[in-house]
Protein backbone atom coordinates (compact mmCIF):
# COMPACT_ATOMS: atom_id res chain seq x y z
CA MET A 1 -18.17 -68.27 -26.00
CA LYS A 2 -21.22 -69.95 -26.56
CA HIS A 3 -20.54 -71.96 -23.35
CA LEU A 4 -19.92 -68.76 -21.18
CA LYS A 5 -23.28 -67.21 -22.46
CA HIS A 6 -25.11 -70.06 -21.65
CA ILE A 7 -23.48 -70.17 -17.80
CA PHE A 8 -24.10 -66.18 -17.33
CA GLY A 9 -27.62 -67.50 -18.25
CA THR A 10 -28.39 -70.16 -15.82
CA LEU A 11 -26.61 -67.68 -12.92
CA LEU A 12 -29.15 -64.17 -14.08
CA ILE A 13 -31.89 -67.06 -14.11
CA ALA A 14 -30.86 -68.02 -10.81
CA ALA A 15 -30.49 -64.56 -9.28
CA LEU A 16 -34.31 -63.49 -10.41
CA THR A 17 -35.32 -66.84 -8.93
CA PHE A 18 -34.09 -66.04 -5.27
CA THR A 19 -35.31 -62.31 -5.41
CA SER A 20 -38.86 -63.83 -5.21
CA CYS A 21 -38.34 -66.77 -2.98
CA SER A 22 -36.37 -67.88 -0.25
CA LYS A 23 -35.56 -70.62 1.96
CA ASP A 24 -37.40 -71.02 5.70
CA ASP A 25 -34.40 -71.55 7.74
CA ASP A 26 -36.47 -72.22 10.97
CA ASN A 27 -38.16 -74.89 8.84
CA GLY A 28 -36.03 -77.18 7.23
CA ASP A 29 -36.75 -77.01 3.00
CA ILE A 30 -39.86 -74.70 2.96
CA ILE A 31 -39.51 -72.95 -0.03
CA ILE A 32 -41.14 -69.05 0.45
CA MET A 33 -42.78 -67.73 -2.66
CA ALA A 34 -43.41 -64.61 -1.79
CA PRO A 35 -46.44 -62.60 -4.10
CA THR A 36 -45.78 -59.29 -5.86
CA ALA A 37 -47.61 -56.30 -4.57
CA GLU A 38 -49.89 -56.16 -7.26
CA ALA A 39 -51.17 -59.66 -7.05
CA PHE A 40 -52.35 -58.54 -3.09
CA ALA A 41 -54.03 -55.79 -4.46
CA ASP A 42 -55.54 -57.64 -6.69
CA LEU A 43 -56.88 -60.19 -4.26
CA LYS A 44 -58.15 -57.38 -1.91
CA GLN A 45 -60.09 -55.56 -5.13
CA ASP A 46 -61.77 -58.95 -5.98
CA ALA A 47 -63.10 -59.01 -2.20
CA LEU A 48 -64.41 -55.37 -2.96
CA ASP A 49 -65.78 -56.19 -6.28
CA ASN A 50 -67.73 -59.38 -4.97
CA LEU A 51 -69.36 -57.23 -2.39
CA THR A 52 -70.50 -54.78 -4.87
CA GLN A 53 -74.35 -53.84 -5.47
CA LEU A 54 -75.19 -51.80 -8.76
CA PHE A 55 -78.20 -49.74 -9.07
CA GLN A 56 -79.71 -46.99 -11.47
CA LEU A 57 -81.64 -43.80 -11.23
CA ASN A 58 -83.21 -41.42 -13.62
CA THR A 59 -82.50 -38.11 -12.85
CA GLU A 60 -86.05 -37.02 -13.95
CA ASP A 61 -87.53 -39.05 -11.22
CA GLY A 62 -85.95 -36.77 -8.32
CA SER A 63 -85.63 -39.11 -5.04
CA THR A 64 -84.62 -42.69 -5.82
CA THR A 65 -84.29 -45.11 -2.58
CA PHE A 66 -82.68 -48.33 -3.03
CA THR A 67 -82.79 -51.22 -0.49
CA SER A 68 -79.50 -53.41 -0.08
CA GLU A 69 -78.77 -57.01 0.52
CA LYS A 70 -78.80 -56.58 4.04
CA GLY A 71 -82.28 -54.37 4.22
CA VAL A 72 -80.15 -50.71 4.32
CA SER A 73 -82.39 -47.96 2.58
CA ILE A 74 -80.17 -45.49 0.27
CA THR A 75 -81.76 -42.38 -0.71
CA ILE A 76 -80.07 -40.02 -3.48
CA GLN A 77 -81.48 -37.13 -4.94
CA GLY A 78 -81.13 -37.49 -8.91
CA ASN A 79 -81.93 -33.79 -9.66
CA CYS A 80 -78.99 -32.72 -7.39
CA LEU A 81 -76.27 -34.77 -9.29
CA THR A 82 -73.56 -33.12 -11.14
CA ILE A 83 -70.41 -33.22 -13.35
CA ASN A 84 -67.85 -30.09 -12.83
CA GLY A 85 -70.24 -28.04 -11.21
CA ASN A 86 -72.98 -28.97 -14.26
CA THR A 87 -76.42 -30.67 -13.37
CA VAL A 88 -76.51 -34.22 -15.29
CA SER A 89 -79.24 -36.00 -16.80
CA GLY A 90 -80.97 -39.09 -17.86
CA GLN A 91 -79.69 -42.47 -16.45
CA VAL A 92 -76.77 -42.98 -13.65
CA ASP A 93 -75.02 -46.08 -12.24
CA ILE A 94 -74.93 -46.25 -8.53
CA LYS A 95 -71.92 -48.56 -7.02
CA TYR A 96 -72.57 -49.31 -3.48
CA ILE A 97 -70.85 -51.60 -0.93
CA GLU A 98 -71.79 -52.45 2.78
CA LEU A 99 -69.63 -54.00 5.42
CA PHE A 100 -70.95 -54.86 9.29
CA GLU A 101 -68.60 -57.60 10.03
CA LYS A 102 -64.83 -58.04 10.65
CA GLY A 103 -64.63 -60.51 8.04
CA THR A 104 -65.30 -58.25 5.14
CA MET A 105 -63.40 -55.55 6.71
CA PHE A 106 -60.36 -57.76 6.56
CA THR A 107 -60.67 -59.20 3.33
CA THR A 108 -61.25 -55.63 1.45
CA ASN A 109 -58.64 -53.93 3.77
CA LYS A 110 -61.46 -51.19 5.29
CA PRO A 111 -60.19 -51.98 9.06
CA THR A 112 -62.00 -49.25 11.51
CA MET A 113 -59.19 -46.95 12.48
CA GLY A 114 -60.16 -43.64 13.32
CA ILE A 115 -58.04 -40.62 13.20
CA LEU A 116 -57.64 -38.55 17.22
CA PRO A 117 -57.50 -34.99 17.17
CA ASN A 118 -53.97 -35.02 17.86
CA GLY A 119 -53.81 -37.51 14.27
CA ASP A 120 -53.14 -40.85 15.89
CA LYS A 121 -55.38 -43.66 15.22
CA ALA A 122 -57.16 -45.91 17.65
CA LEU A 123 -59.79 -48.73 17.16
CA LEU A 124 -63.75 -47.69 15.71
CA ILE A 125 -66.55 -49.71 16.60
CA SER A 126 -68.78 -49.56 13.49
CA GLY A 127 -72.33 -49.64 12.78
CA GLY A 128 -71.46 -50.18 9.30
CA GLU A 129 -68.86 -48.90 6.49
CA PHE A 130 -70.74 -48.03 3.42
CA LEU A 131 -69.35 -47.01 0.01
CA ILE A 132 -71.88 -44.90 -2.61
CA GLU A 133 -70.47 -43.76 -6.11
CA ALA A 134 -72.36 -42.23 -8.86
CA SER A 135 -71.25 -42.29 -12.42
CA GLN A 136 -72.66 -41.25 -15.81
CA ASN A 137 -70.61 -42.91 -18.82
CA GLY A 138 -67.91 -44.07 -16.64
CA GLU A 139 -67.77 -40.05 -15.23
CA THR A 140 -68.03 -39.73 -11.55
CA LEU A 141 -70.57 -37.61 -10.21
CA ASP A 142 -70.67 -35.27 -7.49
CA THR A 143 -74.30 -34.07 -5.56
CA ASN A 144 -75.06 -30.56 -3.98
CA CYS A 145 -77.76 -32.09 -2.03
CA GLY A 146 -77.98 -34.87 1.01
CA ILE A 147 -77.74 -38.42 0.74
CA GLN A 148 -79.57 -40.44 3.12
CA LEU A 149 -79.09 -43.90 4.80
CA GLN A 150 -81.72 -45.97 7.15
CA ILE A 151 -79.51 -48.69 8.68
CA PRO A 152 -81.08 -51.28 10.63
CA THR A 153 -78.98 -51.70 14.09
CA ASN A 154 -79.83 -55.08 14.56
CA LEU A 155 -76.76 -55.82 12.01
CA THR A 156 -74.51 -54.40 14.40
CA GLY A 157 -75.77 -55.21 17.97
CA GLY A 158 -78.75 -52.77 18.47
CA ASP A 159 -78.98 -49.16 18.89
CA ASP A 160 -76.05 -47.17 20.21
CA PRO A 161 -76.39 -43.70 21.03
CA ASN A 162 -72.93 -42.76 21.10
CA MET A 163 -72.47 -43.47 17.41
CA THR A 164 -71.19 -40.86 15.36
CA LEU A 165 -70.70 -40.33 11.56
CA TRP A 166 -67.12 -40.54 9.63
CA THR A 167 -65.62 -40.21 6.42
CA GLY A 168 -63.15 -42.92 4.80
CA ARG A 169 -59.73 -41.36 3.22
CA ILE A 170 -57.26 -43.75 1.57
CA ASP A 171 -53.65 -43.18 1.67
CA ASP A 172 -51.06 -43.73 -0.79
CA ASN A 173 -50.70 -46.97 0.60
CA ASP A 174 -54.14 -48.25 0.17
CA ASN A 175 -54.75 -47.63 4.05
CA LEU A 176 -58.28 -46.57 5.09
CA ALA A 177 -58.45 -44.41 8.38
CA TRP A 178 -61.94 -42.45 9.27
CA ASP A 179 -62.31 -38.84 9.91
CA GLU A 180 -64.85 -37.77 12.12
CA LYS A 181 -67.81 -35.79 10.24
CA GLY A 182 -67.86 -32.05 10.87
CA ARG A 183 -64.36 -32.08 12.84
CA ASP A 184 -61.31 -30.03 11.58
CA GLY A 185 -62.84 -29.19 8.33
CA ALA A 186 -64.13 -32.71 7.56
CA GLN A 187 -67.81 -32.18 5.59
CA GLY A 188 -70.73 -32.54 8.55
CA GLY A 189 -73.78 -34.80 8.28
CA GLU A 190 -76.14 -36.07 10.86
CA LEU A 191 -77.06 -39.18 12.88
CA PHE A 192 -80.06 -40.46 15.13
CA ASN A 193 -81.26 -43.41 15.71
CA GLU A 194 -84.72 -44.30 16.48
CA GLY A 195 -86.79 -47.40 16.32
CA GLY A 196 -84.27 -49.75 15.72
CA GLU A 197 -82.80 -47.67 12.96
CA TYR A 198 -79.95 -45.20 12.44
CA TYR A 199 -80.74 -42.47 10.38
CA ALA A 200 -77.19 -40.96 8.20
CA PHE A 201 -77.73 -38.12 6.25
CA PHE A 202 -74.32 -36.52 4.64
CA ASN A 203 -73.23 -34.27 1.48
CA GLU A 204 -70.88 -36.57 -0.46
CA PHE A 205 -70.16 -39.71 -2.40
CA GLY A 206 -67.00 -42.14 -1.22
CA TRP A 207 -66.70 -44.01 2.16
CA SER A 208 -69.00 -43.19 5.28
CA ASN A 209 -69.06 -45.11 8.30
CA VAL A 210 -71.34 -44.81 11.57
CA ASP A 211 -68.82 -45.24 14.67
CA LYS A 212 -67.57 -44.62 17.99
CA PHE A 213 -64.04 -45.11 19.67
CA TYR A 214 -63.21 -48.21 21.73
CA SER A 215 -63.42 -47.90 25.22
CA ASP A 216 -61.06 -49.33 27.51
CA PRO A 217 -59.52 -47.99 31.00
CA ARG A 218 -56.69 -50.07 30.99
CA PRO A 219 -52.94 -48.66 30.44
CA LYS A 220 -52.03 -48.70 26.75
CA THR A 221 -48.94 -49.57 24.71
CA THR A 222 -47.42 -50.20 21.68
CA ILE A 223 -46.86 -53.45 20.05
CA LEU A 224 -44.64 -54.86 17.10
CA VAL A 225 -45.08 -57.96 14.69
CA GLY A 226 -42.44 -59.57 12.86
CA VAL A 227 -43.85 -61.68 9.46
CA PRO A 228 -41.88 -63.90 7.12
CA GLU A 229 -39.10 -63.05 5.08
CA ASN A 230 -39.71 -61.77 1.73
CA PHE A 231 -43.09 -59.94 3.20
CA ASP A 232 -43.50 -56.39 4.05
CA ASN A 233 -46.40 -53.60 3.70
CA THR A 234 -46.35 -53.95 -0.18
CA ASN A 235 -47.58 -57.62 -0.34
CA SER A 236 -48.85 -58.67 3.13
CA ALA A 237 -50.62 -56.89 6.03
CA VAL A 238 -51.38 -57.76 9.58
CA TYR A 239 -54.28 -56.60 11.53
CA LEU A 240 -55.64 -57.19 15.24
CA SER A 241 -58.97 -58.99 15.70
CA TYR A 242 -60.29 -57.87 19.64
CA ASP A 243 -61.94 -60.57 21.23
CA GLY A 244 -65.82 -59.79 22.06
CA GLU A 245 -66.09 -57.23 19.14
CA ALA A 246 -67.43 -58.23 16.04
CA ALA A 247 -67.72 -55.22 14.26
CA GLY A 248 -64.01 -53.68 14.73
CA LEU A 249 -61.01 -54.26 13.20
CA ALA A 250 -57.54 -52.67 13.32
CA ASN A 251 -54.33 -52.93 11.42
CA LEU A 252 -50.93 -52.02 12.17
CA ASP A 253 -50.66 -49.60 9.28
CA THR A 254 -46.64 -48.49 9.61
CA TYR A 255 -43.81 -50.63 8.66
CA ASP A 256 -39.80 -50.60 9.13
CA PRO A 257 -38.05 -51.76 6.51
CA GLY A 258 -34.89 -51.99 8.21
CA THR A 259 -36.16 -54.49 11.16
CA GLY A 260 -38.83 -55.97 9.02
CA LEU A 261 -41.66 -55.32 11.84
CA PHE A 262 -44.97 -54.09 11.36
CA SER A 263 -46.01 -51.41 14.35
CA GLU A 264 -48.93 -50.07 16.52
CA HIS A 265 -47.00 -46.80 16.75
CA TYR A 266 -49.73 -45.07 18.44
CA GLY A 267 -49.46 -46.85 21.67
CA GLN A 268 -53.34 -47.56 21.80
CA ILE A 269 -53.33 -51.04 22.64
CA PRO A 270 -54.76 -51.79 26.00
CA VAL A 271 -52.18 -53.92 28.08
CA GLY A 272 -54.05 -57.27 28.92
CA LEU A 273 -56.05 -57.07 25.74
CA GLU A 274 -57.42 -60.43 24.88
CA CYS A 275 -57.19 -60.39 20.70
CA HIS A 276 -55.80 -62.34 17.76
CA ILE A 277 -53.23 -60.70 15.35
CA ILE A 278 -53.57 -61.98 11.86
CA PHE A 279 -51.29 -62.04 9.30
CA ALA A 280 -52.15 -62.00 5.74
CA THR A 281 -50.97 -62.39 2.02
CA GLU A 282 -51.62 -63.53 -1.55
CA ASP A 283 -50.81 -67.09 -2.78
CA ASN A 284 -51.74 -67.96 -6.58
CA GLY A 285 -55.22 -65.85 -6.19
CA ASN A 286 -55.95 -67.36 -2.95
CA TRP A 287 -55.47 -66.07 0.46
CA ARG A 288 -52.74 -67.33 2.77
CA TYR A 289 -52.80 -66.25 6.28
CA ALA A 290 -51.59 -67.10 10.11
CA ILE A 291 -53.45 -66.23 13.05
CA GLN A 292 -52.26 -66.36 16.66
CA GLY A 293 -54.49 -65.48 20.08
CA VAL A 294 -52.65 -63.40 22.39
CA THR A 295 -52.61 -61.45 25.51
CA ILE A 296 -51.32 -57.87 24.87
CA THR A 297 -48.47 -57.28 26.98
CA ALA A 298 -46.37 -53.91 27.10
CA ASN A 299 -43.91 -53.25 24.46
CA ALA A 300 -44.25 -56.79 23.08
CA VAL A 301 -42.88 -58.09 19.77
CA TYR A 302 -44.74 -61.23 18.15
CA THR A 303 -43.88 -63.17 15.21
CA PHE A 304 -45.04 -65.13 12.27
CA THR A 305 -43.38 -68.27 10.73
CA TYR A 306 -44.14 -69.15 7.05
CA ALA A 307 -44.79 -72.75 8.52
CA GLU A 308 -47.47 -71.35 10.46
CA THR A 309 -49.46 -69.96 7.58
CA ALA A 310 -52.42 -71.65 5.73
CA ILE A 311 -54.56 -71.26 2.33
CA ALA A 312 -57.89 -70.52 2.06
CA THR A 313 -60.56 -68.59 -0.56
CA GLU A 314 -62.24 -65.33 0.26
CA ALA A 315 -65.34 -67.28 1.60
CA GLU A 316 -63.70 -69.38 3.61
CA LEU A 317 -61.39 -66.77 5.46
CA THR A 318 -64.29 -64.24 5.75
CA ALA A 319 -65.93 -66.87 7.79
CA ILE A 320 -62.57 -67.77 10.04
CA ILE A 321 -62.49 -64.05 10.78
CA ASN A 322 -65.94 -63.71 11.69
CA GLY A 323 -65.60 -67.12 13.83
CA LEU A 324 -63.03 -65.10 16.07
CA PRO A 325 -63.91 -64.48 19.74
């Protein structure tokens, strides 16, 4: 009986081992160790935490303006802050994040995918993504007055009169998409540019974006991307970096567990587009990634193998993504 228990225990350990790793049949004896969904989520959260700027204001001071690390001015009316509809007083904590480059959009999982009027998603070109949150003693605050951002346009290539304001919405799968403010019931705002600055006015905390839809007259298509075994949309992600666009990042936000393929299922990718497809996951607290430069063909299927991947720190991968054409 003791011998049988030993055999059973050995078999159980082996079974558990093979649920978390597998052999890459295309590359000899490479053992694939897939991370948990929690480990991948923690990696993205670490990237957000590393970019977080913290400020404080006193509500009795009225209007308070902060200047960010990249020179953005944030103005908040302290006497308009509320909790559960009640005006707050005293010291308030302000959390702020700013993203201007596709490298930081990548590591934080904050791509620029705008929601079209029909519900589909398409690439946006960004003039900056911003998170602003207010809290007091750990409790989230609201505002009944406008928030103002003054954003240097040289952070994203200069003035662009086609930019508008967008609100970020994060779904249950941690995917971010953007609603144009004032459209389809979304809370409104105002944006204008003058003298090398975007002036943005809006009425809610959370994610906001200065954006416009990417425009390309060529026919559009859908693509599919295969990733290594044991990876899916819980412990990995696939992104598209359009060549020539430094402030835009698309992601393939749907996954078919039956086929094991990520999809851009909206049919919004231009045929003939030169771009880079990026696979990303977690590996012992670092990033494991692979990049393929491709020219998009109609209904193409692209595939990543584990042997193509490499390891990078957050800083290294951010620089690699920012360095893409």
